[in-house]
PDB file of all heavy atoms in Angstrom:
ATOM      1  N   THR A   1      17.502  17.662  -1.539  1.00  0.00           N
ATOM      2  CA  THR A   1      17.599  19.121  -1.470  1.00  0.00           C
ATOM      3  C   THR A   1      16.245  19.805  -1.430  1.00  0.00           C
ATOM      4  O   THR A   1      16.181  21.016  -1.188  1.00  0.00           O
ATOM      5  CB  THR A   1      18.387  19.677  -2.670  1.00  0.00           C
ATOM      6  OG1 THR A   1      17.602  19.544  -3.873  1.00  0.00           O
ATOM      7  CG2 THR A   1      19.709  18.952  -2.835  1.00  0.00           C
ATOM      8  N   GLY A   2      15.196  19.060  -1.684  1.00  0.00           N
ATOM      9  CA  GLY A   2      13.873  19.658  -1.669  1.00  0.00           C
ATOM     10  C   GLY A   2      13.531  20.429  -2.921  1.00  0.00           C
ATOM     11  O   GLY A   2      12.463  21.053  -3.005  1.00  0.00           O
ATOM     12  N   MET A   3      14.405  20.421  -3.921  1.00  0.00           N
ATOM     13  CA  MET A   3      14.120  21.125  -5.171  1.00  0.00           C
ATOM     14  C   MET A   3      13.015  20.399  -5.924  1.00  0.00           C
ATOM     15  O   MET A   3      12.986  19.169  -5.982  1.00  0.00           O
ATOM     16  CB  MET A   3      15.382  21.217  -6.028  1.00  0.00           C
ATOM     17  CG  MET A   3      15.203  22.083  -7.272  1.00  0.00           C
ATOM     18  SD  MET A   3      16.680  22.143  -8.318  1.00  0.00           S
ATOM     19  CE  MET A   3      17.857  22.904  -7.203  1.00  0.00           C
ATOM     20  N   ASP A   4      12.095  21.157  -6.502  1.00  0.00           N
ATOM     21  CA  ASP A   4      11.018  20.511  -7.261  1.00  0.00           C
ATOM     22  C   ASP A   4      11.537  20.020  -8.601  1.00  0.00           C
ATOM     23  O   ASP A   4      12.499  20.560  -9.162  1.00  0.00           O
ATOM     24  CB  ASP A   4       9.854  21.480  -7.460  1.00  0.00           C
ATOM     25  CG  ASP A   4      10.233  22.676  -8.302  1.00  0.00           C
ATOM     26  OD1 ASP A   4      10.842  23.626  -7.747  1.00  0.00           O
ATOM     27  OD2 ASP A   4       9.949  22.663  -9.500  1.00  0.00           O
ATOM     28  N   ALA A   5      10.894  18.965  -9.099  1.00  0.00           N
ATOM     29  CA  ALA A   5      11.356  18.306 -10.321  1.00  0.00           C
ATOM     30  C   ALA A   5      11.336  19.244 -11.513  1.00  0.00           C
ATOM     31  O   ALA A   5      12.229  19.198 -12.370  1.00  0.00           O
ATOM     32  CB  ALA A   5      10.490  17.079 -10.601  1.00  0.00           C
ATOM     33  N   ARG A   6      10.322  20.099 -11.594  1.00  0.00           N
ATOM     34  CA  ARG A   6      10.209  21.000 -12.739  1.00  0.00           C
ATOM     35  C   ARG A   6      11.442  21.892 -12.851  1.00  0.00           C
ATOM     36  O   ARG A   6      12.022  22.033 -13.930  1.00  0.00           O
ATOM     37  CB  ARG A   6       8.961  21.864 -12.606  1.00  0.00           C
ATOM     38  CG  ARG A   6       8.862  22.988 -13.632  1.00  0.00           C
ATOM     39  CD  ARG A   6       7.683  23.905 -13.346  1.00  0.00           C
ATOM     40  NE  ARG A   6       7.698  25.059 -14.226  1.00  0.00           N
ATOM     41  CZ  ARG A   6       8.394  26.168 -13.980  1.00  0.00           C
ATOM     42  NH1 ARG A   6       9.139  26.253 -12.886  1.00  0.00           N
ATOM     43  NH2 ARG A   6       8.354  27.174 -14.826  1.00  0.00           N
ATOM     44  N   THR A   7      11.846  22.488 -11.742  1.00  0.00           N
ATOM     45  CA  THR A   7      12.996  23.393 -11.754  1.00  0.00           C
ATOM     46  C   THR A   7      14.264  22.665 -12.195  1.00  0.00           C
ATOM     47  O   THR A   7      15.019  23.160 -13.039  1.00  0.00           O
ATOM     48  CB  THR A   7      13.213  24.003 -10.362  1.00  0.00           C
ATOM     49  OG1 THR A   7      12.052  24.742  -9.993  1.00  0.00           O
ATOM     50  CG2 THR A   7      14.432  24.922 -10.360  1.00  0.00           C
ATOM     51  N   PHE A   8      14.478  21.474 -11.648  1.00  0.00           N
ATOM     52  CA  PHE A   8      15.712  20.769 -11.978  1.00  0.00           C
ATOM     53  C   PHE A   8      15.693  20.255 -13.415  1.00  0.00           C
ATOM     54  O   PHE A   8      16.732  20.238 -14.079  1.00  0.00           O
ATOM     55  CB  PHE A   8      15.942  19.610 -11.005  1.00  0.00           C
ATOM     56  CG  PHE A   8      17.388  19.228 -10.901  1.00  0.00           C
ATOM     57  CD1 PHE A   8      18.260  19.970 -10.122  1.00  0.00           C
ATOM     58  CD2 PHE A   8      17.897  18.152 -11.613  1.00  0.00           C
ATOM     59  CE1 PHE A   8      19.607  19.642 -10.041  1.00  0.00           C
ATOM     60  CE2 PHE A   8      19.231  17.810 -11.544  1.00  0.00           C
ATOM     61  CZ  PHE A   8      20.098  18.560 -10.755  1.00  0.00           C
ATOM     62  N   LEU A   9      14.540  19.835 -13.901  1.00  0.00           N
ATOM     63  CA  LEU A   9      14.459  19.404 -15.297  1.00  0.00           C
ATOM     64  C   LEU A   9      14.776  20.559 -16.244  1.00  0.00           C
ATOM     65  O   LEU A   9      15.440  20.365 -17.267  1.00  0.00           O
ATOM     66  CB  LEU A   9      13.065  18.839 -15.597  1.00  0.00           C
ATOM     67  CG  LEU A   9      12.788  17.427 -15.083  1.00  0.00           C
ATOM     68  CD1 LEU A   9      11.312  17.080 -15.268  1.00  0.00           C
ATOM     69  CD2 LEU A   9      13.664  16.396 -15.791  1.00  0.00           C
ATOM     70  N   ILE A  10      14.317  21.744 -15.915  1.00  0.00           N
ATOM     71  CA  ILE A  10      14.624  22.905 -16.758  1.00  0.00           C
ATOM     72  C   ILE A  10      16.121  23.193 -16.744  1.00  0.00           C
ATOM     73  O   ILE A  10      16.728  23.487 -17.782  1.00  0.00           O
ATOM     74  CB  ILE A  10      13.818  24.133 -16.290  1.00  0.00           C
ATOM     75  CG1 ILE A  10      12.331  23.929 -16.593  1.00  0.00           C
ATOM     76  CG2 ILE A  10      14.324  25.403 -16.975  1.00  0.00           C
ATOM     77  CD1 ILE A  10      11.434  25.010 -16.053  1.00  0.00           C
ATOM     78  N   ILE A  11      16.742  23.085 -15.567  1.00  0.00           N
ATOM     79  CA  ILE A  11      18.198  23.264 -15.493  1.00  0.00           C
ATOM     80  C   ILE A  11      18.897  22.219 -16.361  1.00  0.00           C
ATOM     81  O   ILE A  11      19.859  22.530 -17.093  1.00  0.00           O
ATOM     82  CB  ILE A  11      18.671  23.156 -14.028  1.00  0.00           C
ATOM     83  CG1 ILE A  11      18.136  24.315 -13.201  1.00  0.00           C
ATOM     84  CG2 ILE A  11      20.208  23.138 -13.967  1.00  0.00           C
ATOM     85  CD1 ILE A  11      18.417  24.184 -11.715  1.00  0.00           C
ATOM     86  N   GLU A  12      18.427  20.982 -16.307  1.00  0.00           N
ATOM     87  CA  GLU A  12      19.042  19.926 -17.111  1.00  0.00           C
ATOM     88  C   GLU A  12      18.805  20.130 -18.607  1.00  0.00           C
ATOM     89  O   GLU A  12      19.635  19.733 -19.422  1.00  0.00           O
ATOM     90  CB  GLU A  12      18.517  18.569 -16.662  1.00  0.00           C
ATOM     91  CG  GLU A  12      19.026  18.134 -15.301  1.00  0.00           C
ATOM     92  CD  GLU A  12      18.881  16.657 -15.067  1.00  0.00           C
ATOM     93  OE1 GLU A  12      17.766  16.127 -15.311  1.00  0.00           O
ATOM     94  OE2 GLU A  12      19.858  16.003 -14.647  1.00  0.00           O
ATOM     95  N   ILE A  13      17.699  20.731 -18.960  1.00  0.00           N
ATOM     96  CA  ILE A  13      17.456  21.042 -20.376  1.00  0.00           C
ATOM     97  C   ILE A  13      18.515  22.024 -20.887  1.00  0.00           C
ATOM     98  O   ILE A  13      19.064  21.867 -21.986  1.00  0.00           O
ATOM     99  CB  ILE A  13      16.028  21.600 -20.572  1.00  0.00           C
ATOM    100  CG1 ILE A  13      15.004  20.460 -20.428  1.00  0.00           C
ATOM    101  CG2 ILE A  13      15.889  22.279 -21.929  1.00  0.00           C
ATOM    102  CD1 ILE A  13      13.557  20.928 -20.432  1.00  0.00           C
ATOM    103  N   PHE A  14      18.820  23.038 -20.083  1.00  0.00           N
ATOM    104  CA  PHE A  14      19.913  23.957 -20.464  1.00  0.00           C
ATOM    105  C   PHE A  14      21.245  23.205 -20.503  1.00  0.00           C
ATOM    106  O   PHE A  14      22.107  23.486 -21.345  1.00  0.00           O
ATOM    107  CB  PHE A  14      19.978  25.129 -19.489  1.00  0.00           C
ATOM    108  CG  PHE A  14      18.940  26.191 -19.743  1.00  0.00           C
ATOM    109  CD1 PHE A  14      17.805  26.273 -18.959  1.00  0.00           C
ATOM    110  CD2 PHE A  14      19.101  27.087 -20.791  1.00  0.00           C
ATOM    111  CE1 PHE A  14      16.841  27.245 -19.196  1.00  0.00           C
ATOM    112  CE2 PHE A  14      18.142  28.073 -21.037  1.00  0.00           C
ATOM    113  CZ  PHE A  14      17.007  28.146 -20.241  1.00  0.00           C
ATOM    114  N   GLY A  15      21.419  22.246 -19.580  1.00  0.00           N
ATOM    115  CA  GLY A  15      22.612  21.422 -19.618  1.00  0.00           C
ATOM    116  C   GLY A  15      22.707  20.617 -20.909  1.00  0.00           C
ATOM    117  O   GLY A  15      23.805  20.471 -21.475  1.00  0.00           O
ATOM    118  N   ALA A  16      21.577  20.102 -21.384  1.00  0.00           N
ATOM    119  CA  ALA A  16      21.575  19.337 -22.629  1.00  0.00           C
ATOM    120  C   ALA A  16      21.950  20.210 -23.822  1.00  0.00           C
ATOM    121  O   ALA A  16      22.603  19.745 -24.773  1.00  0.00           O
ATOM    122  CB  ALA A  16      20.200  18.695 -22.852  1.00  0.00           C
ATOM    123  N   LEU A  17      21.549  21.481 -23.790  1.00  0.00           N
ATOM    124  CA  LEU A  17      21.964  22.400 -24.848  1.00  0.00           C
ATOM    125  C   LEU A  17      23.473  22.615 -24.811  1.00  0.00           C
ATOM    126  O   LEU A  17      24.133  22.668 -25.861  1.00  0.00           O
ATOM    127  CB  LEU A  17      21.234  23.739 -24.699  1.00  0.00           C
ATOM    128  CG  LEU A  17      19.709  23.701 -24.904  1.00  0.00           C
ATOM    129  CD1 LEU A  17      19.096  25.064 -24.585  1.00  0.00           C
ATOM    130  CD2 LEU A  17      19.368  23.292 -26.340  1.00  0.00           C
ATOM    131  N   ALA A  18      24.026  22.724 -23.590  1.00  0.00           N
ATOM    132  CA  ALA A  18      25.483  22.829 -23.461  1.00  0.00           C
ATOM    133  C   ALA A  18      26.162  21.555 -23.945  1.00  0.00           C
ATOM    134  O   ALA A  18      27.235  21.600 -24.555  1.00  0.00           O
ATOM    135  CB  ALA A  18      25.851  23.107 -21.999  1.00  0.00           C
ATOM    136  N   LEU A  19      25.534  20.416 -23.680  1.00  0.00           N
ATOM    137  CA  LEU A  19      26.069  19.133 -24.148  1.00  0.00           C
ATOM    138  C   LEU A  19      26.138  19.098 -25.667  1.00  0.00           C
ATOM    139  O   LEU A  19      27.163  18.698 -26.244  1.00  0.00           O
ATOM    140  CB  LEU A  19      25.184  17.998 -23.627  1.00  0.00           C
ATOM    141  CG  LEU A  19      25.444  16.588 -24.178  1.00  0.00           C
ATOM    142  CD1 LEU A  19      26.850  16.124 -23.835  1.00  0.00           C
ATOM    143  CD2 LEU A  19      24.399  15.606 -23.633  1.00  0.00           C
ATOM    144  N   ALA A  20      25.072  19.522 -26.335  1.00  0.00           N
ATOM    145  CA  ALA A  20      25.059  19.524 -27.799  1.00  0.00           C
ATOM    146  C   ALA A  20      26.147  20.434 -28.355  1.00  0.00           C
ATOM    147  O   ALA A  20      26.867  20.074 -29.301  1.00  0.00           O
ATOM    148  CB  ALA A  20      23.685  19.958 -28.314  1.00  0.00           C
ATOM    149  N   ALA A  21      26.294  21.625 -27.765  1.00  0.00           N
ATOM    150  CA  ALA A  21      27.320  22.559 -28.234  1.00  0.00           C
ATOM    151  C   ALA A  21      28.718  21.988 -28.020  1.00  0.00           C
ATOM    152  O   ALA A  21      29.595  22.123 -28.885  1.00  0.00           O
ATOM    153  CB  ALA A  21      27.176  23.898 -27.496  1.00  0.00           C
ATOM    154  N   ALA A  22      28.941  21.334 -26.884  1.00  0.00           N
ATOM    155  CA  ALA A  22      30.251  20.763 -26.603  1.00  0.00           C
ATOM    156  C   ALA A  22      30.567  19.590 -27.517  1.00  0.00           C
ATOM    157  O   ALA A  22      31.720  19.385 -27.902  1.00  0.00           O
ATOM    158  CB  ALA A  22      30.323  20.321 -25.138  1.00  0.00           C
ATOM    159  N   ILE A  23      29.555  18.815 -27.867  1.00  0.00           N
ATOM    160  CA  ILE A  23      29.766  17.707 -28.805  1.00  0.00           C
ATOM    161  C   ILE A  23      30.218  18.252 -30.160  1.00  0.00           C
ATOM    162  O   ILE A  23      31.157  17.726 -30.778  1.00  0.00           O
ATOM    163  CB  ILE A  23      28.486  16.863 -28.949  1.00  0.00           C
ATOM    164  CG1 ILE A  23      28.244  16.053 -27.668  1.00  0.00           C
ATOM    165  CG2 ILE A  23      28.581  15.928 -30.151  1.00  0.00           C
ATOM    166  CD1 ILE A  23      26.936  15.290 -27.665  1.00  0.00           C
ATOM    167  N   VAL A  24      29.549  19.284 -30.627  1.00  0.00           N
ATOM    168  CA  VAL A  24      29.957  19.903 -31.903  1.00  0.00           C
ATOM    169  C   VAL A  24      31.381  20.437 -31.794  1.00  0.00           C
ATOM    170  O   VAL A  24      32.208  20.249 -32.692  1.00  0.00           O
ATOM    171  CB  VAL A  24      28.977  21.028 -32.278  1.00  0.00           C
ATOM    172  CG1 VAL A  24      29.482  21.781 -33.509  1.00  0.00           C
ATOM    173  CG2 VAL A  24      27.584  20.448 -32.561  1.00  0.00           C
ATOM    174  N   ALA A  25      31.687  21.097 -30.666  1.00  0.00           N
ATOM    175  CA  ALA A  25      33.043  21.631 -30.477  1.00  0.00           C
ATOM    176  C   ALA A  25      34.079  20.516 -30.459  1.00  0.00           C
ATOM    177  O   ALA A  25      35.205  20.700 -30.943  1.00  0.00           O
ATOM    178  CB  ALA A  25      33.101  22.429 -29.173  1.00  0.00           C
ATOM    179  N   SER A  26      33.705  19.356 -29.925  1.00  0.00           N
ATOM    180  CA  SER A  26      34.662  18.243 -29.875  1.00  0.00           C
ATOM    181  C   SER A  26      35.100  17.815 -31.263  1.00  0.00           C
ATOM    182  O   SER A  26      36.241  17.382 -31.458  1.00  0.00           O
ATOM    183  CB  SER A  26      34.041  17.056 -29.134  1.00  0.00           C
ATOM    184  OG  SER A  26      33.116  16.343 -29.944  1.00  0.00           O
ATOM    185  N   GLY A  27      34.189  17.917 -32.229  1.00  0.00           N
ATOM    186  CA  GLY A  27      34.553  17.555 -33.597  1.00  0.00           C
ATOM    187  C   GLY A  27      35.623  18.462 -34.158  1.00  0.00           C
ATOM    188  O   GLY A  27      36.559  18.005 -34.832  1.00  0.00           O
ATOM    189  N   VAL A  28      35.500  19.761 -33.886  1.00  0.00           N
ATOM    190  CA  VAL A  28      36.488  20.729 -34.366  1.00  0.00           C
ATOM    191  C   VAL A  28      37.827  20.525 -33.667  1.00  0.00           C
ATOM    192  O   VAL A  28      38.893  20.492 -34.294  1.00  0.00           O
ATOM    193  CB  VAL A  28      35.972  22.166 -34.139  1.00  0.00           C
ATOM    194  CG1 VAL A  28      37.024  23.183 -34.582  1.00  0.00           C
ATOM    195  CG2 VAL A  28      34.668  22.388 -34.896  1.00  0.00           C
ATOM    196  N   ILE A  29      37.763  20.364 -32.342  1.00  0.00           N
ATOM    197  CA  ILE A  29      39.005  20.216 -31.561  1.00  0.00           C
ATOM    198  C   ILE A  29      39.721  18.923 -31.911  1.00  0.00           C
ATOM    199  O   ILE A  29      40.952  18.882 -32.067  1.00  0.00           O
ATOM    200  CB  ILE A  29      38.691  20.279 -30.056  1.00  0.00           C
ATOM    201  CG1 ILE A  29      38.086  21.636 -29.692  1.00  0.00           C
ATOM    202  CG2 ILE A  29      39.950  20.018 -29.231  1.00  0.00           C
ATOM    203  CD1 ILE A  29      37.543  21.713 -28.284  1.00  0.00           C
ATOM    204  N   ALA A  30      38.956  17.836 -32.033  1.00  0.00           N
ATOM    205  CA  ALA A  30      39.560  16.528 -32.309  1.00  0.00           C
ATOM    206  C   ALA A  30      40.291  16.509 -33.639  1.00  0.00           C
ATOM    207  O   ALA A  30      41.335  15.856 -33.778  1.00  0.00           O
ATOM    208  CB  ALA A  30      38.487  15.439 -32.284  1.00  0.00           C
ATOM    209  N   ASP A  31      39.775  17.224 -34.620  1.00  0.00           N
ATOM    210  CA  ASP A  31      40.452  17.255 -35.918  1.00  0.00           C
ATOM    211  C   ASP A  31      41.741  18.069 -35.880  1.00  0.00           C
ATOM    212  O   ASP A  31      42.544  17.995 -36.812  1.00  0.00           O
ATOM    213  CB  ASP A  31      39.503  17.826 -36.983  1.00  0.00           C
ATOM    214  CG  ASP A  31      38.441  16.823 -37.406  1.00  0.00           C
ATOM    215  OD1 ASP A  31      38.713  15.614 -37.311  1.00  0.00           O
ATOM    216  OD2 ASP A  31      37.336  17.246 -37.795  1.00  0.00           O
ATOM    217  N   ARG A  32      41.943  18.815 -34.816  1.00  0.00           N
ATOM    218  CA  ARG A  32      43.177  19.595 -34.678  1.00  0.00           C
ATOM    219  C   ARG A  32      44.205  18.887 -33.810  1.00  0.00           C
ATOM    220  O   ARG A  32      45.400  18.932 -34.093  1.00  0.00           O
ATOM    221  CB  ARG A  32      42.858  20.974 -34.093  1.00  0.00           C
ATOM    222  CG  ARG A  32      41.974  21.808 -35.004  1.00  0.00           C
ATOM    223  CD  ARG A  32      41.981  23.259 -34.595  1.00  0.00           C
ATOM    224  NE  ARG A  32      41.217  24.075 -35.527  1.00  0.00           N
ATOM    225  CZ  ARG A  32      41.233  25.398 -35.547  1.00  0.00           C
ATOM    226  NH1 ARG A  32      42.002  26.057 -34.688  1.00  0.00           N
ATOM    227  NH2 ARG A  32      40.508  26.065 -36.418  1.00  0.00           N
ATOM    228  N   ILE A  33      43.749  18.255 -32.729  1.00  0.00           N
ATOM    229  CA  ILE A  33      44.706  17.655 -31.792  1.00  0.00           C
ATOM    230  C   ILE A  33      44.628  16.134 -31.751  1.00  0.00           C
ATOM    231  O   ILE A  33      45.475  15.489 -31.137  1.00  0.00           O
ATOM    232  CB  ILE A  33      44.513  18.210 -30.372  1.00  0.00           C
ATOM    233  CG1 ILE A  33      43.167  17.749 -29.782  1.00  0.00           C
ATOM    234  CG2 ILE A  33      44.596  19.729 -30.369  1.00  0.00           C
ATOM    235  CD1 ILE A  33      42.983  18.144 -28.321  1.00  0.00           C
ATOM    236  N   GLY A  34      43.631  15.546 -32.388  1.00  0.00           N
ATOM    237  CA  GLY A  34      43.469  14.098 -32.386  1.00  0.00           C
ATOM    238  C   GLY A  34      42.377  13.652 -31.419  1.00  0.00           C
ATOM    239  O   GLY A  34      42.208  14.233 -30.339  1.00  0.00           O
ATOM    240  N   ARG A  35      41.620  12.612 -31.800  1.00  0.00           N
ATOM    241  CA  ARG A  35      40.492  12.149 -30.994  1.00  0.00           C
ATOM    242  C   ARG A  35      40.963  11.609 -29.645  1.00  0.00           C
ATOM    243  O   ARG A  35      40.400  11.939 -28.600  1.00  0.00           O
ATOM    244  CB  ARG A  35      39.719  11.059 -31.744  1.00  0.00           C
ATOM    245  CG  ARG A  35      39.053  11.522 -33.028  1.00  0.00           C
ATOM    246  CD  ARG A  35      38.285  10.387 -33.663  1.00  0.00           C
ATOM    247  NE  ARG A  35      37.179   9.972 -32.801  1.00  0.00           N
ATOM    248  CZ  ARG A  35      36.531   8.827 -32.950  1.00  0.00           C
ATOM    249  NH1 ARG A  35      36.907   7.962 -33.881  1.00  0.00           N
ATOM    250  NH2 ARG A  35      35.527   8.524 -32.149  1.00  0.00           N
ATOM    251  N   ARG A  36      41.990  10.784 -29.662  1.00  0.00           N
ATOM    252  CA  ARG A  36      42.422  10.157 -28.412  1.00  0.00           C
ATOM    253  C   ARG A  36      43.057  11.168 -27.466  1.00  0.00           C
ATOM    254  O   ARG A  36      42.909  11.067 -26.242  1.00  0.00           O
ATOM    255  CB  ARG A  36      43.390   9.017 -28.717  1.00  0.00           C
ATOM    256  CG  ARG A  36      42.728   7.922 -29.557  1.00  0.00           C
ATOM    257  CD  ARG A  36      43.677   6.810 -29.922  1.00  0.00           C
ATOM    258  NE  ARG A  36      43.062   5.910 -30.904  1.00  0.00           N
ATOM    259  CZ  ARG A  36      43.643   4.840 -31.409  1.00  0.00           C
ATOM    260  NH1 ARG A  36      44.863   4.514 -31.018  1.00  0.00           N
ATOM    261  NH2 ARG A  36      43.021   4.086 -32.286  1.00  0.00           N
ATOM    262  N   THR A  37      43.736  12.161 -28.019  1.00  0.00           N
ATOM    263  CA  THR A  37      44.298  13.217 -27.184  1.00  0.00           C
ATOM    264  C   THR A  37      43.190  13.994 -26.488  1.00  0.00           C
ATOM    265  O   THR A  37      43.275  14.309 -25.289  1.00  0.00           O
ATOM    266  CB  THR A  37      45.155  14.177 -28.022  1.00  0.00           C
ATOM    267  OG1 THR A  37      46.218  13.447 -28.640  1.00  0.00           O
ATOM    268  CG2 THR A  37      45.732  15.288 -27.163  1.00  0.00           C
ATOM    269  N   LEU A  38      42.120  14.289 -27.224  1.00  0.00           N
ATOM    270  CA  LEU A  38      41.001  15.022 -26.635  1.00  0.00           C
ATOM    271  C   LEU A  38      40.316  14.190 -25.553  1.00  0.00           C
ATOM    272  O   LEU A  38      39.960  14.718 -24.489  1.00  0.00           O
ATOM    273  CB  LEU A  38      39.989  15.394 -27.725  1.00  0.00           C
ATOM    274  CG  LEU A  38      38.711  16.082 -27.231  1.00  0.00           C
ATOM    275  CD1 LEU A  38      39.040  17.370 -26.479  1.00  0.00           C
ATOM    276  CD2 LEU A  38      37.764  16.366 -28.404  1.00  0.00           C
ATOM    277  N   ILE A  39      40.141  12.894 -25.806  1.00  0.00           N
ATOM    278  CA  ILE A  39      39.506  12.040 -24.796  1.00  0.00           C
ATOM    279  C   ILE A  39      40.349  11.989 -23.523  1.00  0.00           C
ATOM    280  O   ILE A  39      39.834  12.079 -22.406  1.00  0.00           O
ATOM    281  CB  ILE A  39      39.284  10.626 -25.363  1.00  0.00           C
ATOM    282  CG1 ILE A  39      38.240  10.661 -26.479  1.00  0.00           C
ATOM    283  CG2 ILE A  39      38.837   9.663 -24.259  1.00  0.00           C
ATOM    284  CD1 ILE A  39      38.077   9.334 -27.201  1.00  0.00           C
ATOM    285  N   GLY A  40      41.675  11.858 -23.687  1.00  0.00           N
ATOM    286  CA  GLY A  40      42.562  11.831 -22.529  1.00  0.00           C
ATOM    287  C   GLY A  40      42.549  13.137 -21.756  1.00  0.00           C
ATOM    288  O   GLY A  40      42.486  13.147 -20.518  1.00  0.00           O
ATOM    289  N   ALA A  41      42.583  14.256 -22.475  1.00  0.00           N
ATOM    290  CA  ALA A  41      42.556  15.565 -21.815  1.00  0.00           C
ATOM    291  C   ALA A  41      41.223  15.787 -21.105  1.00  0.00           C
ATOM    292  O   ALA A  41      41.183  16.345 -19.998  1.00  0.00           O
ATOM    293  CB  ALA A  41      42.803  16.666 -22.846  1.00  0.00           C
ATOM    294  N   SER A  42      40.131  15.351 -21.726  1.00  0.00           N
ATOM    295  CA  SER A  42      38.815  15.496 -21.103  1.00  0.00           C
ATOM    296  C   SER A  42      38.697  14.628 -19.860  1.00  0.00           C
ATOM    297  O   SER A  42      38.090  15.035 -18.861  1.00  0.00           O
ATOM    298  CB  SER A  42      37.713  15.127 -22.103  1.00  0.00           C
ATOM    299  OG  SER A  42      37.747  15.969 -23.240  1.00  0.00           O
ATOM    300  N   ALA A  43      39.287  13.421 -19.906  1.00  0.00           N
ATOM    301  CA  ALA A  43      39.273  12.556 -18.721  1.00  0.00           C
ATOM    302  C   ALA A  43      40.016  13.212 -17.567  1.00  0.00           C
ATOM    303  O   ALA A  43      39.581  13.151 -16.405  1.00  0.00           O
ATOM    304  CB  ALA A  43      39.889  11.199 -19.050  1.00  0.00           C
ATOM    305  N   ALA A  44      41.140  13.858 -17.877  1.00  0.00           N
ATOM    306  CA  ALA A  44      41.886  14.575 -16.837  1.00  0.00           C
ATOM    307  C   ALA A  44      41.054  15.727 -16.275  1.00  0.00           C
ATOM    308  O   ALA A  44      41.051  15.971 -15.052  1.00  0.00           O
ATOM    309  CB  ALA A  44      43.202  15.099 -17.410  1.00  0.00           C
TER     310      ALA A  44
END
């Protein structure tokens, strides 16, 4: 795509912040609906 590495790394850094937030959210959700149910729904 011709995008420079710096720009894409910064985008991925924001993605990593979203990853951390989603991991924390998974703990809350899993305790309500079950770990395996959440994994199956996420796979879908």
